[in-house]
Amino acid sequence: MARRYKFYAAETGTSYRYFFVWSRAVNRPEGQGPGNDYVFVVTPDQQPPFTLRVFVSDRALAAWQLVHGRELDSGEMYAVAKMRLFRALDELPGLREEWLNLLVDETNIEELLAPLDL
């Protein structure tokens, strides 16, 4: 299957190509509990590609639902994972080392979704 690369120009000045690979339900052993991993392959400025996982915790989704009175649909859950990916591309040097550390939890879900006006 051919992958559809997308382009992102980060605030750091680095240009990235990326594509979404898959998502699946997981239970993170690091104390983050159940949720979904969203996996992206990222290629910065003609360097070798690497994989990044964005973990969207069930606790984050429950906190958002409590405030807004509804669940996020699958497209909105993908959107929050992608917004977390973009934040990492904008702010984090050494992304290769962060491949399991990109989290959406109850402390950041509101701010990540705010630009989408859901």
C-alpha atoms as a PDB file:
ATOM      1  CA  MET A   1       0.000   0.000   0.000  1.00  0.00           C
ATOM      2  CA  ALA A   2       1.392   3.393  -0.970  1.00  0.00           C
ATOM      3  CA  ARG A   3       1.685   5.829   1.918  1.00  0.00           C
ATOM      4  CA  ARG A   4       0.389   9.357   1.652  1.00  0.00           C
ATOM      5  CA  TYR A   5       3.072  11.643   3.005  1.00  0.00           C
ATOM      6  CA  LYS A   6       2.052  14.946   4.492  1.00  0.00           C
ATOM      7  CA  PHE A   7       4.269  17.934   5.092  1.00  0.00           C
ATOM      8  CA  TYR A   8       4.742  20.000   8.259  1.00  0.00           C
ATOM      9  CA  ALA A   9       6.985  23.044   8.657  1.00  0.00           C
ATOM     10  CA  ALA A  10       7.839  23.203  12.349  1.00  0.00           C
ATOM     11  CA  GLU A  11       8.417  26.392  14.320  1.00  0.00           C
ATOM     12  CA  THR A  12      12.031  25.257  14.769  1.00  0.00           C
ATOM     13  CA  GLY A  13      12.625  25.718  11.035  1.00  0.00           C
ATOM     14  CA  THR A  14      12.802  21.987  10.368  1.00  0.00           C
ATOM     15  CA  SER A  15      10.570  20.609   7.626  1.00  0.00           C
ATOM     16  CA  TYR A  16       9.038  17.216   8.201  1.00  0.00           C
ATOM     17  CA  ARG A  17       7.341  14.659   6.031  1.00  0.00           C
ATOM     18  CA  TYR A  18       5.143  12.217   7.936  1.00  0.00           C
ATOM     19  CA  PHE A  19       2.470   9.633   7.491  1.00  0.00           C
ATOM     20  CA  PHE A  20       0.059   7.862   9.802  1.00  0.00           C
ATOM     21  CA  VAL A  21       0.680   4.122  10.158  1.00  0.00           C
ATOM     22  CA  TRP A  22      -1.988   2.774  12.541  1.00  0.00           C
ATOM     23  CA  SER A  23      -3.646   3.079  15.908  1.00  0.00           C
ATOM     24  CA  ARG A  24      -4.454   0.417  18.429  1.00  0.00           C
ATOM     25  CA  ALA A  25      -5.705   0.033  21.964  1.00  0.00           C
ATOM     26  CA  VAL A  26      -2.899  -0.512  24.466  1.00  0.00           C
ATOM     27  CA  ASN A  27      -2.326  -0.557  28.188  1.00  0.00           C
ATOM     28  CA  ARG A  28       0.856   1.383  28.851  1.00  0.00           C
ATOM     29  CA  PRO A  29       2.896  -0.227  31.655  1.00  0.00           C
ATOM     30  CA  GLU A  30       4.536   3.095  32.602  1.00  0.00           C
ATOM     31  CA  GLY A  31       1.546   3.932  34.799  1.00  0.00           C
ATOM     32  CA  GLN A  32      -0.390   5.696  32.068  1.00  0.00           C
ATOM     33  CA  GLY A  33      -3.028   2.992  31.915  1.00  0.00           C
ATOM     34  CA  PRO A  34      -5.275   2.142  28.987  1.00  0.00           C
ATOM     35  CA  GLY A  35      -5.621   4.218  25.845  1.00  0.00           C
ATOM     36  CA  ASN A  36      -4.646   4.240  22.184  1.00  0.00           C
ATOM     37  CA  ASP A  37      -1.269   4.517  20.489  1.00  0.00           C
ATOM     38  CA  TYR A  38      -1.239   6.483  17.236  1.00  0.00           C
ATOM     39  CA  VAL A  39       1.875   5.654  15.246  1.00  0.00           C
ATOM     40  CA  PHE A  40       3.458   8.035  12.741  1.00  0.00           C
ATOM     41  CA  VAL A  41       6.586   7.731  10.590  1.00  0.00           C
ATOM     42  CA  VAL A  42       8.430  11.046  10.520  1.00  0.00           C
ATOM     43  CA  THR A  43      11.245  12.183   8.208  1.00  0.00           C
ATOM     44  CA  PRO A  44      13.016  15.456   9.130  1.00  0.00           C
ATOM     45  CA  ASP A  45      14.794  17.481   6.385  1.00  0.00           C
ATOM     46  CA  GLN A  46      16.129  14.626   4.251  1.00  0.00           C
ATOM     47  CA  GLN A  47      17.305  12.580   7.250  1.00  0.00           C
ATOM     48  CA  PRO A  48      16.413   8.939   7.889  1.00  0.00           C
ATOM     49  CA  PRO A  49      12.804   8.329   8.975  1.00  0.00           C
ATOM     50  CA  PHE A  50      11.836   7.243  12.475  1.00  0.00           C
ATOM     51  CA  THR A  51       8.680   6.213  14.281  1.00  0.00           C
ATOM     52  CA  LEU A  52       6.818   8.291  16.858  1.00  0.00           C
ATOM     53  CA  ARG A  53       3.931   7.057  18.995  1.00  0.00           C
ATOM     54  CA  VAL A  54       1.361   9.396  20.446  1.00  0.00           C
ATOM     55  CA  PHE A  55      -0.496   7.874  23.376  1.00  0.00           C
ATOM     56  CA  VAL A  56      -4.035   9.170  23.948  1.00  0.00           C
ATOM     57  CA  SER A  57      -5.018   8.035  27.426  1.00  0.00           C
ATOM     58  CA  ASP A  58      -8.528   6.925  28.292  1.00  0.00           C
ATOM     59  CA  ARG A  59      -8.283   9.244  31.335  1.00  0.00           C
ATOM     60  CA  ALA A  60      -7.821  12.200  28.970  1.00  0.00           C
ATOM     61  CA  LEU A  61     -10.880  11.198  26.951  1.00  0.00           C
ATOM     62  CA  ALA A  62     -12.963  10.776  30.109  1.00  0.00           C
ATOM     63  CA  ALA A  63     -11.881  14.210  31.392  1.00  0.00           C
ATOM     64  CA  TRP A  64     -12.812  15.822  28.066  1.00  0.00           C
ATOM     65  CA  GLN A  65     -16.187  14.043  28.010  1.00  0.00           C
ATOM     66  CA  LEU A  66     -16.958  15.206  31.551  1.00  0.00           C
ATOM     67  CA  VAL A  67     -16.454  18.859  30.562  1.00  0.00           C
ATOM     68  CA  HIS A  68     -18.135  18.719  27.131  1.00  0.00           C
ATOM     69  CA  GLY A  69     -20.907  16.189  27.718  1.00  0.00           C
ATOM     70  CA  ARG A  70     -20.017  13.956  24.802  1.00  0.00           C
ATOM     71  CA  GLU A  71     -17.371  11.525  23.648  1.00  0.00           C
ATOM     72  CA  LEU A  72     -14.782  12.368  21.028  1.00  0.00           C
ATOM     73  CA  ASP A  73     -15.387  10.457  17.821  1.00  0.00           C
ATOM     74  CA  SER A  74     -12.600   8.511  16.099  1.00  0.00           C
ATOM     75  CA  GLY A  75     -11.716  11.436  13.803  1.00  0.00           C
ATOM     76  CA  GLU A  76     -11.446  13.785  16.772  1.00  0.00           C
ATOM     77  CA  MET A  77      -9.251  11.313  18.650  1.00  0.00           C
ATOM     78  CA  TYR A  78      -6.949  11.145  15.615  1.00  0.00           C
ATOM     79  CA  ALA A  79      -6.968  14.957  15.520  1.00  0.00           C
ATOM     80  CA  VAL A  80      -5.805  15.270  19.132  1.00  0.00           C
ATOM     81  CA  ALA A  81      -3.015  12.745  18.453  1.00  0.00           C
ATOM     82  CA  LYS A  82      -1.958  14.752  15.412  1.00  0.00           C
ATOM     83  CA  MET A  83      -2.034  18.014  17.383  1.00  0.00           C
ATOM     84  CA  ARG A  84       0.268  16.383  19.973  1.00  0.00           C
ATOM     85  CA  LEU A  85       2.568  15.262  17.155  1.00  0.00           C
ATOM     86  CA  PHE A  86       2.704  18.821  15.788  1.00  0.00           C
ATOM     87  CA  ARG A  87       3.459  20.230  19.252  1.00  0.00           C
ATOM     88  CA  ALA A  88       6.378  17.791  19.543  1.00  0.00           C
ATOM     89  CA  LEU A  89       7.680  18.718  16.086  1.00  0.00           C
ATOM     90  CA  ASP A  90       7.501  22.403  17.039  1.00  0.00           C
ATOM     91  CA  GLU A  91       9.101  22.133  20.471  1.00  0.00           C
ATOM     92  CA  LEU A  92      11.225  19.039  21.026  1.00  0.00           C
ATOM     93  CA  PRO A  93      14.774  18.578  19.826  1.00  0.00           C
ATOM     94  CA  GLY A  94      15.910  14.974  19.743  1.00  0.00           C
ATOM     95  CA  LEU A  95      12.560  13.548  18.734  1.00  0.00           C
ATOM     96  CA  ARG A  96      14.040  10.129  18.042  1.00  0.00           C
ATOM     97  CA  GLU A  97      14.528   9.691  21.790  1.00  0.00           C
ATOM     98  CA  GLU A  98      10.934  10.737  22.520  1.00  0.00           C
ATOM     99  CA  TRP A  99       9.297   7.989  20.505  1.00  0.00           C
ATOM    100  CA  LEU A 100       7.302   6.663  23.474  1.00  0.00           C
ATOM    101  CA  ASN A 101       6.948   9.901  25.448  1.00  0.00           C
ATOM    102  CA  LEU A 102       4.352  11.832  23.469  1.00  0.00           C
ATOM    103  CA  LEU A 103       1.252  11.796  25.628  1.00  0.00           C
ATOM    104  CA  VAL A 104      -2.246  13.184  25.534  1.00  0.00           C
ATOM    105  CA  ASP A 105      -3.530  13.116  29.082  1.00  0.00           C
ATOM    106  CA  GLU A 106      -5.975  14.996  31.274  1.00  0.00           C
ATOM    107  CA  THR A 107      -3.453  17.860  31.712  1.00  0.00           C
ATOM    108  CA  ASN A 108      -3.137  18.773  28.019  1.00  0.00           C
ATOM    109  CA  ILE A 109      -6.155  17.509  26.063  1.00  0.00           C
ATOM    110  CA  GLU A 110      -8.092  20.786  26.348  1.00  0.00           C
ATOM    111  CA  GLU A 111      -5.233  22.946  25.083  1.00  0.00           C
ATOM    112  CA  LEU A 112      -4.435  20.521  22.252  1.00  0.00           C
ATOM    113  CA  LEU A 113      -8.030  20.551  21.025  1.00  0.00           C
ATOM    114  CA  ALA A 114      -8.638  24.297  21.603  1.00  0.00           C
ATOM    115  CA  PRO A 115      -7.464  25.363  18.114  1.00  0.00           C
ATOM    116  CA  LEU A 116      -9.959  22.932  16.568  1.00  0.00           C
ATOM    117  CA  ASP A 117     -12.919  24.592  18.322  1.00  0.00           C
ATOM    118  CA  LEU A 118     -14.749  21.344  19.110  1.00  0.00           C
END
